[in-house]
């Protein structure tokens, strides 16, 4: 029997909240990530926020620097 991976909506919600709190659109955020060496397009980032794709650790590291927050902020509400 095939088992499906459960999508984690809380991570996506946290990513969306942090981006909104920073006043950034997905396009502007992706441009900043690309400037910092993360090759992320808006479509891919939208999938992170929708919980359809797992985010890479290297992207979380850069997002923490952009948002100037702790890593805990990305995992609020996750069990």
Protein backbone atom coordinates (compact mmCIF):
# COMPACT_ATOMS: atom_id res chain seq x y z
CA UNK A 1 0.00 0.00 0.00
CA UNK A 2 1.29 3.42 -0.93
CA UNK A 3 1.56 5.99 1.77
CA UNK A 4 1.24 9.67 0.89
CA UNK A 5 3.41 12.26 2.56
CA UNK A 6 1.28 14.61 4.63
CA UNK A 7 1.58 18.18 3.47
CA UNK A 8 2.50 20.55 6.24
CA UNK A 9 0.29 23.61 6.04
CA UNK A 10 1.67 25.18 9.22
CA UNK A 11 5.10 25.67 7.67
CA UNK A 12 3.50 27.35 4.67
CA UNK A 13 1.37 29.53 6.93
CA UNK A 14 4.48 30.56 8.86
CA UNK A 15 6.33 31.40 5.64
CA UNK A 16 3.39 33.50 4.44
CA UNK A 17 3.09 35.30 7.80
CA UNK A 18 6.79 36.14 7.95
CA UNK A 19 6.76 37.45 4.38
CA UNK A 20 3.65 39.55 5.03
CA UNK A 21 5.13 40.93 8.26
CA UNK A 22 8.21 41.98 6.27
CA UNK A 23 5.98 43.73 3.71
CA UNK A 24 7.34 41.71 0.79
CA UNK A 25 5.57 40.26 -2.21
CA UNK A 26 6.54 36.79 -3.35
CA UNK A 27 8.23 38.38 -6.38
CA UNK A 28 10.35 40.77 -4.29
CA UNK A 29 11.27 38.04 -1.83
CA UNK A 30 12.35 35.69 -4.62
CA UNK A 31 14.42 38.46 -6.21
CA UNK A 32 16.21 38.96 -2.86
CA UNK A 33 16.74 35.23 -2.45
CA UNK A 34 18.20 35.04 -5.96
CA UNK A 35 20.50 37.96 -5.18
CA UNK A 36 21.73 35.93 -2.20
CA UNK A 37 22.40 32.84 -4.31
CA UNK A 38 19.16 30.86 -3.85
CA UNK A 39 17.74 30.02 -7.25
CA UNK A 40 14.05 30.18 -6.29
CA UNK A 41 11.29 31.29 -8.63
CA UNK A 42 7.96 32.71 -7.52
CA UNK A 43 6.09 29.56 -8.57
CA UNK A 44 8.34 27.37 -6.44
CA UNK A 45 8.06 29.74 -3.48
CA UNK A 46 4.26 29.78 -3.82
CA UNK A 47 4.35 25.98 -3.50
CA UNK A 48 6.33 26.33 -0.25
CA UNK A 49 3.64 28.62 1.15
CA UNK A 50 0.86 26.31 -0.04
CA UNK A 51 2.50 23.33 1.65
CA UNK A 52 2.90 21.54 -1.68
CA UNK A 53 6.69 21.44 -1.65
CA UNK A 54 9.21 21.05 1.15
CA UNK A 55 11.51 24.03 1.59
CA UNK A 56 15.27 23.48 1.47
CA UNK A 57 17.35 24.24 4.56
CA UNK A 58 19.53 26.66 2.56
CA UNK A 59 16.44 28.73 1.77
CA UNK A 60 15.37 28.81 5.43
CA UNK A 61 18.86 30.00 6.38
CA UNK A 62 18.61 32.93 3.94
CA UNK A 63 15.03 33.73 4.95
CA UNK A 64 16.10 33.93 8.60
CA UNK A 65 18.71 36.52 7.60
CA UNK A 66 16.19 38.50 5.51
CA UNK A 67 13.55 38.49 8.24
CA UNK A 68 16.06 38.87 11.09
CA UNK A 69 14.18 36.28 13.14
CA UNK A 70 14.91 33.06 14.98
CA UNK A 71 14.56 29.66 13.35
CA UNK A 72 11.73 28.97 15.80
CA UNK A 73 9.52 31.41 13.84
CA UNK A 74 9.45 28.99 10.91
CA UNK A 75 8.20 26.13 13.06
CA UNK A 76 5.47 27.80 15.15
CA UNK A 77 2.54 25.40 15.54
CA UNK A 78 4.37 22.35 14.24
CA UNK A 79 4.32 19.25 16.40
